[in-house]
Amino acid sequence: MDTAEIKQYLGELNDELRAVDVKGEICLYGGAVMCLVYDARPATKDVDAVFRPTRELRQAVERVAVAHGLPNDWLNDAVKGYVVPHPQRILFDFPCLKVYVPEADYLLAMKVLAARVDTMDVSDVRLLIGRLGLQNPAEVFAVLEKYYPRRQIKPATQYFIEELFEQ
């Protein structure tokens, strides 16, 4: 899905919620945020999000999927296991759907914690480090530890960040 499609589908989710007289909230993560907020890539394969009310939004997601021939999980909440309390801001304020995104530092922490070196995560992390003006691995780990306990940070994550600054 490219940026225009993501925006279109979110607008259609608003329409679906309006049709059943429900107000919903979604907080986006991952590639969708990198597309919509940072213009860091042209597209993403799916939209990672946490949303409520869960049942009504899942039904609306399915209706949008059917209308466009998308997989039923084009918008999914698989990311919810990684989410901890964090600052967020409104990206879109539709009449029946508020769409939030996390602040850059939280998105960086999430991306670093889950980083896979053979994916877009590397370029996403680089971009976010630059946006935040971080100068060394210690500053990145200070951001990471603001949200996640040190014991959750794998040694591979430390090596990944150190290698980014060596390049």
Protein backbone atom coordinates (compact mmCIF):
# COMPACT_ATOMS: atom_id res chain seq x y z
CA MET A 1 0.00 0.00 0.00
CA ASP A 2 1.30 3.40 -0.89
CA THR A 3 0.70 6.58 1.09
CA ALA A 4 -2.36 7.62 -0.93
CA GLU A 5 -3.94 4.18 -0.50
CA ILE A 6 -3.32 4.16 3.25
CA LYS A 7 -4.98 7.58 3.56
CA GLN A 8 -7.88 6.42 1.38
CA TYR A 9 -8.44 3.25 3.39
CA LEU A 10 -8.32 5.14 6.70
CA GLY A 11 -10.91 7.54 5.32
CA GLU A 12 -13.06 4.58 4.32
CA LEU A 13 -12.72 3.14 7.84
CA ASN A 14 -14.12 6.45 9.10
CA ASP A 15 -17.05 6.07 6.66
CA GLU A 16 -17.67 2.50 7.82
CA LEU A 17 -17.71 3.60 11.46
CA ARG A 18 -20.05 6.49 10.66
CA ALA A 19 -22.45 4.02 9.00
CA VAL A 20 -22.76 2.08 12.27
CA ASP A 21 -22.64 5.18 14.50
CA VAL A 22 -19.36 4.28 16.20
CA LYS A 23 -16.38 6.47 17.05
CA GLY A 24 -12.98 4.81 16.90
CA GLU A 25 -9.32 5.43 17.56
CA ILE A 26 -6.26 3.99 15.86
CA CYS A 27 -2.58 4.49 16.67
CA LEU A 28 -0.35 3.60 13.74
CA TYR A 29 3.14 2.12 13.97
CA GLY A 30 5.87 0.80 11.71
CA GLY A 31 5.95 1.23 7.96
CA ALA A 32 2.69 3.16 7.76
CA VAL A 33 4.13 5.89 9.98
CA MET A 34 7.35 5.91 7.98
CA CYS A 35 5.25 6.47 4.83
CA LEU A 36 2.70 8.94 6.15
CA VAL A 37 4.75 11.04 8.55
CA TYR A 38 8.37 10.81 7.39
CA ASP A 39 7.96 10.15 3.66
CA ALA A 40 10.72 7.61 4.19
CA ARG A 41 9.43 5.02 1.75
CA PRO A 42 6.82 4.81 -0.96
CA ALA A 43 4.80 1.91 0.48
CA THR A 44 4.34 -0.68 3.19
CA LYS A 45 2.95 -4.22 3.00
CA ASP A 46 0.48 -3.73 5.86
CA VAL A 47 -0.58 -1.26 8.50
CA ASP A 48 0.46 -2.02 12.08
CA ALA A 49 -1.83 -0.42 14.61
CA VAL A 50 -3.54 -0.59 17.96
CA PHE A 51 -7.23 0.28 17.79
CA ARG A 52 -10.51 0.51 19.62
CA PRO A 53 -13.28 -0.40 19.77
CA THR A 54 -11.66 -3.61 18.62
CA ARG A 55 -14.67 -5.57 17.37
CA GLU A 56 -16.21 -2.72 15.38
CA LEU A 57 -12.90 -1.71 13.85
CA ARG A 58 -12.06 -5.30 12.85
CA GLN A 59 -15.42 -5.49 11.08
CA ALA A 60 -14.79 -2.15 9.32
CA VAL A 61 -11.29 -3.31 8.30
CA GLU A 62 -12.82 -6.44 6.77
CA ARG A 63 -15.38 -4.41 4.80
CA VAL A 64 -12.64 -2.17 3.40
CA ALA A 65 -10.57 -5.27 2.58
CA VAL A 66 -13.45 -6.83 0.65
CA ALA A 67 -14.12 -3.59 -1.24
CA HIS A 68 -10.50 -3.37 -2.43
CA GLY A 69 -9.41 -6.99 -2.64
CA LEU A 70 -7.02 -6.58 0.29
CA PRO A 71 -6.04 -9.24 2.80
CA ASN A 72 -8.31 -9.14 5.88
CA ASP A 73 -5.28 -8.17 7.99
CA TRP A 74 -4.20 -5.19 5.87
CA LEU A 75 -4.60 -3.26 9.14
CA ASN A 76 -3.68 -5.47 12.08
CA ASP A 77 -2.83 -5.25 15.75
CA ALA A 78 0.03 -7.77 15.86
CA VAL A 79 2.22 -4.95 17.16
CA LYS A 80 0.22 -4.63 20.40
CA GLY A 81 2.58 -6.96 22.28
CA TYR A 82 5.39 -4.43 21.85
CA VAL A 83 3.45 -1.30 22.76
CA VAL A 84 4.07 0.44 26.09
CA PRO A 85 2.70 3.82 27.21
CA HIS A 86 4.13 6.60 25.05
CA PRO A 87 3.41 10.09 23.76
CA GLN A 88 1.37 10.35 20.60
CA ARG A 89 -0.20 12.98 18.42
CA ILE A 90 -3.17 13.15 16.10
CA LEU A 91 -2.36 12.59 12.44
CA PHE A 92 -5.93 12.54 11.08
CA ASP A 93 -9.03 13.70 12.89
CA PHE A 94 -11.95 12.28 10.92
CA PRO A 95 -15.51 12.72 12.28
CA CYS A 96 -15.72 9.11 13.49
CA LEU A 97 -12.05 8.08 13.58
CA LYS A 98 -9.05 9.65 15.25
CA VAL A 99 -5.73 8.40 13.87
CA TYR A 100 -2.70 8.86 16.10
CA VAL A 101 1.01 8.28 15.58
CA PRO A 102 3.75 7.95 18.19
CA GLU A 103 6.38 10.61 18.64
CA ALA A 104 9.67 9.95 16.84
CA ASP A 105 11.58 8.87 19.94
CA TYR A 106 9.08 6.15 20.76
CA LEU A 107 8.96 4.93 17.17
CA LEU A 108 12.77 4.75 17.21
CA ALA A 109 12.73 2.75 20.45
CA MET A 110 10.19 0.34 19.01
CA LYS A 111 12.07 -0.03 15.72
CA VAL A 112 15.40 -0.59 17.48
CA LEU A 113 13.94 -3.17 19.85
CA ALA A 114 12.43 -5.17 16.98
CA ALA A 115 15.10 -4.39 14.35
CA ARG A 116 15.75 -6.96 11.68
CA VAL A 117 18.90 -6.10 9.76
CA ASP A 118 17.68 -7.50 6.44
CA THR A 119 14.58 -5.27 6.28
CA MET A 120 13.56 -1.63 5.95
CA ASP A 121 14.17 -1.35 9.71
CA VAL A 122 17.79 -0.32 9.08
CA SER A 123 16.89 2.68 6.92
CA ASP A 124 13.97 3.57 9.22
CA VAL A 125 16.25 3.56 12.27
CA ARG A 126 18.86 5.67 10.46
CA LEU A 127 16.23 8.21 9.45
CA LEU A 128 14.80 8.46 12.97
CA ILE A 129 18.26 8.80 14.53
CA GLY A 130 18.89 11.67 12.14
CA ARG A 131 15.53 13.30 12.86
CA LEU A 132 16.22 13.16 16.57
CA GLY A 133 19.78 14.44 16.14
CA LEU A 134 21.30 11.53 18.04
CA GLN A 135 25.10 11.44 17.80
CA ASN A 136 26.16 8.10 19.27
CA PRO A 137 24.92 4.69 20.44
CA ALA A 138 24.61 5.86 24.06
CA GLU A 139 22.04 8.48 23.02
CA VAL A 140 20.06 5.85 21.11
CA PHE A 141 20.09 3.53 24.12
CA ALA A 142 18.97 6.38 26.39
CA VAL A 143 15.90 6.75 24.15
CA LEU A 144 15.33 3.00 24.09
CA GLU A 145 15.60 2.69 27.87
CA LYS A 146 13.13 5.54 28.33
CA TYR A 147 10.43 3.09 27.19
CA TYR A 148 11.78 -0.46 27.56
CA PRO A 149 13.66 -2.07 30.47
CA ARG A 150 17.32 -2.88 29.83
CA ARG A 151 16.63 -6.62 30.26
CA GLN A 152 14.43 -6.55 27.14
CA ILE A 153 17.28 -5.28 24.98
CA LYS A 154 19.08 -8.16 23.26
CA PRO A 155 22.84 -8.11 22.67
CA ALA A 156 22.11 -8.24 18.93
CA THR A 157 20.29 -4.91 19.29
CA GLN A 158 23.33 -3.34 20.90
CA TYR A 159 25.59 -4.61 18.09
CA PHE A 160 23.12 -3.37 15.48
CA ILE A 161 23.17 0.18 16.85
CA GLU A 162 26.93 0.23 17.33
CA GLU A 163 27.43 -0.91 13.73
CA LEU A 164 25.14 1.85 12.44
CA PHE A 165 27.41 4.48 13.99
CA GLU A 166 30.58 2.79 12.70
CA GLN A 167 29.39 3.07 9.09
